[in-house]
Amino acid sequence: MLYTVSRSPYHDDFNAMLGLVSDVDDVLLIQNGVLLGIKDNRYLTALLRSGASVYVLQEDLAARGLIEQISDRVKVIDYNGFVSLTVKHQQHFSW
């Protein structure tokens, strides 16, 4: 399943999402959800333990001035990469 996270983990029930995500899932951080991908973030550490692949949309990072602060464990993708993830997964859940 593809999970898209568009809200800050500080303003959401992040633990509820963690209970759903597994190692066969992909998580895409968009809009204010990109805050989840910042280096040394406790929420990111928990998400990475799930085994899911974590991606972040480059355009949203740039819009927030966070490109230099993103963890090297998060894959930065563009809109073409976003489309590829939606094609890969038949199921999608927005968080």
N, C-alpha and C. Protein backbone atom coordinates (compact mmCIF):
# COMPACT_ATOMS: atom_id res chain seq x y z
N MET A 1 0.85 -1.18 0.00
CA MET A 1 0.00 0.00 0.00
C MET A 1 0.89 1.24 0.00
N LEU A 2 0.40 2.30 -0.61
CA LEU A 2 1.08 3.59 -0.59
C LEU A 2 0.37 4.49 0.42
N TYR A 3 1.13 4.98 1.37
CA TYR A 3 0.63 5.94 2.33
C TYR A 3 1.19 7.31 1.97
N THR A 4 0.34 8.30 1.81
CA THR A 4 0.82 9.66 1.61
C THR A 4 0.54 10.43 2.90
N VAL A 5 1.57 11.08 3.38
CA VAL A 5 1.47 11.85 4.63
C VAL A 5 1.59 13.32 4.26
N SER A 6 0.52 14.07 4.47
CA SER A 6 0.51 15.48 4.08
C SER A 6 0.49 16.43 5.27
N ARG A 7 0.42 15.88 6.47
CA ARG A 7 0.37 16.73 7.67
C ARG A 7 1.58 16.46 8.55
N SER A 8 1.96 17.44 9.30
CA SER A 8 3.07 17.32 10.22
C SER A 8 2.79 16.21 11.24
N PRO A 9 3.80 15.42 11.59
CA PRO A 9 3.59 14.37 12.60
C PRO A 9 3.27 14.98 13.97
N TYR A 10 3.57 16.25 14.14
CA TYR A 10 3.30 16.93 15.41
C TYR A 10 1.83 17.33 15.55
N HIS A 11 1.07 17.26 14.44
CA HIS A 11 -0.34 17.64 14.45
C HIS A 11 -1.25 16.49 14.04
N ASP A 12 -0.79 15.28 14.20
CA ASP A 12 -1.55 14.13 13.72
C ASP A 12 -1.36 12.97 14.70
N ASP A 13 -2.19 11.95 14.57
CA ASP A 13 -2.04 10.75 15.38
C ASP A 13 -1.07 9.81 14.66
N PHE A 14 0.19 10.13 14.75
CA PHE A 14 1.22 9.40 14.04
C PHE A 14 1.29 7.94 14.47
N ASN A 15 1.07 7.66 15.75
CA ASN A 15 1.13 6.28 16.24
C ASN A 15 0.07 5.39 15.60
N ALA A 16 -1.07 5.95 15.27
CA ALA A 16 -2.12 5.17 14.60
C ALA A 16 -1.63 4.73 13.22
N MET A 17 -0.96 5.62 12.50
CA MET A 17 -0.43 5.25 11.20
C MET A 17 0.66 4.20 11.33
N LEU A 18 1.52 4.34 12.33
CA LEU A 18 2.59 3.36 12.52
C LEU A 18 2.05 1.96 12.72
N GLY A 19 0.89 1.85 13.33
CA GLY A 19 0.28 0.54 13.54
C GLY A 19 -0.18 -0.12 12.25
N LEU A 20 -0.29 0.64 11.17
CA LEU A 20 -0.75 0.11 9.89
C LEU A 20 0.38 -0.19 8.91
N VAL A 21 1.47 0.54 8.98
CA VAL A 21 2.54 0.47 8.00
C VAL A 21 3.41 -0.77 8.24
N SER A 22 3.76 -1.44 7.13
CA SER A 22 4.63 -2.63 7.23
C SER A 22 5.76 -2.54 6.21
N ASP A 23 6.58 -3.56 6.19
CA ASP A 23 7.76 -3.56 5.32
C ASP A 23 7.45 -3.71 3.84
N VAL A 24 6.22 -3.97 3.47
CA VAL A 24 5.85 -4.07 2.05
C VAL A 24 5.23 -2.77 1.54
N ASP A 25 5.15 -1.77 2.41
CA ASP A 25 4.51 -0.51 2.06
C ASP A 25 5.53 0.55 1.69
N ASP A 26 5.04 1.58 1.00
CA ASP A 26 5.80 2.78 0.71
C ASP A 26 5.08 3.95 1.36
N VAL A 27 5.86 4.89 1.90
CA VAL A 27 5.31 6.09 2.53
C VAL A 27 5.87 7.29 1.79
N LEU A 28 5.00 8.15 1.30
CA LEU A 28 5.41 9.35 0.59
C LEU A 28 5.04 10.57 1.42
N LEU A 29 6.04 11.40 1.72
CA LEU A 29 5.84 12.61 2.49
C LEU A 29 5.63 13.78 1.53
N ILE A 30 4.49 14.46 1.68
CA ILE A 30 4.15 15.59 0.83
C ILE A 30 3.68 16.75 1.71
N GLN A 31 3.57 17.91 1.13
CA GLN A 31 3.10 19.12 1.82
C GLN A 31 3.81 19.25 3.17
N ASN A 32 3.09 19.48 4.27
CA ASN A 32 3.74 19.61 5.58
C ASN A 32 4.20 18.27 6.14
N GLY A 33 3.83 17.18 5.51
CA GLY A 33 4.31 15.87 5.92
C GLY A 33 5.80 15.72 5.73
N VAL A 34 6.42 16.59 4.92
CA VAL A 34 7.87 16.52 4.71
C VAL A 34 8.63 16.73 6.01
N LEU A 35 8.01 17.35 7.01
CA LEU A 35 8.66 17.54 8.31
C LEU A 35 9.04 16.21 8.95
N LEU A 36 8.32 15.17 8.60
CA LEU A 36 8.61 13.83 9.12
C LEU A 36 9.98 13.32 8.65
N GLY A 37 10.48 13.83 7.53
CA GLY A 37 11.73 13.36 6.96
C GLY A 37 12.98 14.08 7.42
N ILE A 38 12.84 15.01 8.36
CA ILE A 38 14.00 15.77 8.84
C ILE A 38 14.93 14.86 9.66
N LYS A 39 16.22 15.05 9.48
CA LYS A 39 17.24 14.26 10.19
C LYS A 39 16.98 14.24 11.69
N ASP A 40 17.29 13.09 12.30
CA ASP A 40 17.22 12.91 13.76
C ASP A 40 15.84 13.18 14.34
N ASN A 41 14.81 12.95 13.57
CA ASN A 41 13.43 13.14 13.99
C ASN A 41 12.95 11.83 14.63
N ARG A 42 12.43 11.88 15.83
CA ARG A 42 12.00 10.66 16.52
C ARG A 42 10.89 9.93 15.78
N TYR A 43 10.03 10.68 15.09
CA TYR A 43 8.96 10.05 14.32
C TYR A 43 9.53 9.30 13.11
N LEU A 44 10.52 9.87 12.47
CA LEU A 44 11.15 9.21 11.33
C LEU A 44 11.82 7.91 11.78
N THR A 45 12.50 7.94 12.90
CA THR A 45 13.16 6.74 13.42
C THR A 45 12.14 5.62 13.62
N ALA A 46 10.99 5.94 14.17
CA ALA A 46 9.94 4.94 14.39
C ALA A 46 9.40 4.43 13.06
N LEU A 47 9.22 5.32 12.11
CA LEU A 47 8.70 4.91 10.80
C LEU A 47 9.68 3.98 10.09
N LEU A 48 10.96 4.30 10.13
CA LEU A 48 11.97 3.47 9.47
C LEU A 48 12.05 2.08 10.10
N ARG A 49 11.76 1.97 11.38
CA ARG A 49 11.75 0.64 12.03
C ARG A 49 10.66 -0.26 11.48
N SER A 50 9.63 0.31 10.87
CA SER A 50 8.54 -0.49 10.29
C SER A 50 9.02 -1.27 9.06
N GLY A 51 10.11 -0.82 8.47
CA GLY A 51 10.63 -1.47 7.27
C GLY A 51 10.09 -0.89 5.98
N ALA A 52 9.16 0.03 6.07
CA ALA A 52 8.59 0.66 4.87
C ALA A 52 9.63 1.55 4.21
N SER A 53 9.54 1.68 2.90
CA SER A 53 10.38 2.62 2.17
C SER A 53 9.76 4.01 2.31
N VAL A 54 10.60 5.01 2.57
CA VAL A 54 10.10 6.36 2.80
C VAL A 54 10.63 7.28 1.70
N TYR A 55 9.72 8.03 1.10
CA TYR A 55 10.03 8.96 0.02
C TYR A 55 9.53 10.34 0.42
N VAL A 56 10.13 11.36 -0.17
CA VAL A 56 9.68 12.73 0.07
C VAL A 56 9.66 13.46 -1.27
N LEU A 57 8.66 14.30 -1.46
CA LEU A 57 8.50 15.04 -2.70
C LEU A 57 9.43 16.25 -2.71
N GLN A 58 10.33 16.28 -3.66
CA GLN A 58 11.36 17.31 -3.75
C GLN A 58 10.77 18.73 -3.80
N GLU A 59 9.72 18.91 -4.56
CA GLU A 59 9.11 20.24 -4.71
C GLU A 59 8.58 20.77 -3.37
N ASP A 60 8.02 19.90 -2.54
CA ASP A 60 7.52 20.34 -1.25
C ASP A 60 8.66 20.63 -0.28
N LEU A 61 9.75 19.88 -0.38
CA LEU A 61 10.94 20.18 0.42
C LEU A 61 11.49 21.55 0.06
N ALA A 62 11.62 21.80 -1.23
CA ALA A 62 12.17 23.07 -1.70
C ALA A 62 11.28 24.24 -1.27
N ALA A 63 9.98 24.07 -1.36
CA ALA A 63 9.05 25.14 -0.99
C ALA A 63 9.17 25.51 0.48
N ARG A 64 9.62 24.58 1.31
CA ARG A 64 9.76 24.82 2.74
C ARG A 64 11.20 25.06 3.17
N GLY A 65 12.12 25.06 2.20
CA GLY A 65 13.52 25.31 2.49
C GLY A 65 14.18 24.22 3.32
N LEU A 66 13.76 22.96 3.12
CA LEU A 66 14.23 21.86 3.97
C LEU A 66 15.13 20.85 3.25
N ILE A 67 15.54 21.15 2.03
CA ILE A 67 16.31 20.17 1.26
C ILE A 67 17.57 19.73 2.01
N GLU A 68 18.26 20.66 2.63
CA GLU A 68 19.51 20.33 3.33
C GLU A 68 19.28 19.62 4.66
N GLN A 69 18.06 19.61 5.16
CA GLN A 69 17.77 19.02 6.46
C GLN A 69 17.18 17.62 6.40
N ILE A 70 16.97 17.11 5.20
CA ILE A 70 16.30 15.81 5.05
C ILE A 70 17.28 14.68 5.36
N SER A 71 16.78 13.63 5.97
CA SER A 71 17.59 12.46 6.31
C SER A 71 18.06 11.75 5.05
N ASP A 72 19.25 11.20 5.10
CA ASP A 72 19.75 10.44 3.95
C ASP A 72 19.09 9.07 3.84
N ARG A 73 18.23 8.72 4.79
CA ARG A 73 17.49 7.46 4.75
C ARG A 73 16.14 7.62 4.05
N VAL A 74 15.84 8.84 3.62
CA VAL A 74 14.61 9.15 2.90
C VAL A 74 14.98 9.44 1.45
N LYS A 75 14.25 8.82 0.53
CA LYS A 75 14.52 9.00 -0.90
C LYS A 75 13.76 10.22 -1.41
N VAL A 76 14.47 11.17 -1.99
CA VAL A 76 13.86 12.37 -2.55
C VAL A 76 13.43 12.07 -3.98
N ILE A 77 12.16 12.32 -4.29
CA ILE A 77 11.63 12.06 -5.63
C ILE A 77 10.91 13.29 -6.17
N ASP A 78 10.69 13.31 -7.48
CA ASP A 78 9.94 14.38 -8.12
C ASP A 78 8.53 13.88 -8.43
N TYR A 79 7.77 14.68 -9.19
CA TYR A 79 6.39 14.28 -9.51
C TYR A 79 6.34 13.01 -10.35
N ASN A 80 7.33 12.78 -11.20
CA ASN A 80 7.36 11.53 -11.97
C ASN A 80 7.51 10.34 -11.04
N GLY A 81 8.32 10.48 -10.01
CA GLY A 81 8.46 9.42 -9.01
C GLY A 81 7.17 9.19 -8.25
N PHE A 82 6.46 10.28 -7.96
CA PHE A 82 5.15 10.19 -7.30
C PHE A 82 4.19 9.36 -8.15
N VAL A 83 4.16 9.64 -9.43
CA VAL A 83 3.29 8.88 -10.34
C VAL A 83 3.69 7.42 -10.36
N SER A 84 4.98 7.14 -10.39
CA SER A 84 5.46 5.75 -10.39
C SER A 84 5.00 5.01 -9.15
N LEU A 85 5.02 5.67 -7.99
CA LEU A 85 4.55 5.03 -6.76
C LEU A 85 3.06 4.73 -6.82
N THR A 86 2.27 5.64 -7.41
CA THR A 86 0.82 5.39 -7.49
C THR A 86 0.52 4.27 -8.47
N VAL A 87 1.33 4.11 -9.50
CA VAL A 87 1.15 3.01 -10.44
C VAL A 87 1.54 1.68 -9.78
N LYS A 88 2.57 1.71 -8.97
CA LYS A 88 3.07 0.50 -8.29
C LYS A 88 2.05 -0.06 -7.31
N HIS A 89 1.30 0.81 -6.65
CA HIS A 89 0.37 0.39 -5.59
C HIS A 89 -1.08 0.58 -6.03
N GLN A 90 -1.84 -0.49 -5.96
CA GLN A 90 -3.26 -0.39 -6.29
C GLN A 90 -4.04 0.27 -5.15
N GLN A 91 -3.53 0.13 -3.93
CA GLN A 91 -4.20 0.72 -2.78
C GLN A 91 -3.41 1.92 -2.29
N HIS A 92 -4.17 2.95 -1.89
CA HIS A 92 -3.56 4.20 -1.45
C HIS A 92 -4.32 4.72 -0.24
N PHE A 93 -3.58 5.20 0.74
CA PHE A 93 -4.20 5.75 1.94
C PHE A 93 -3.56 7.10 2.23
N SER A 94 -4.37 8.14 2.31
CA SER A 94 -3.87 9.49 2.64
C SER A 94 -3.95 9.71 4.13
N TRP A 95 -2.88 10.22 4.67
CA TRP A 95 -2.84 10.46 6.10
C TRP A 95 -2.65 11.92 6.39
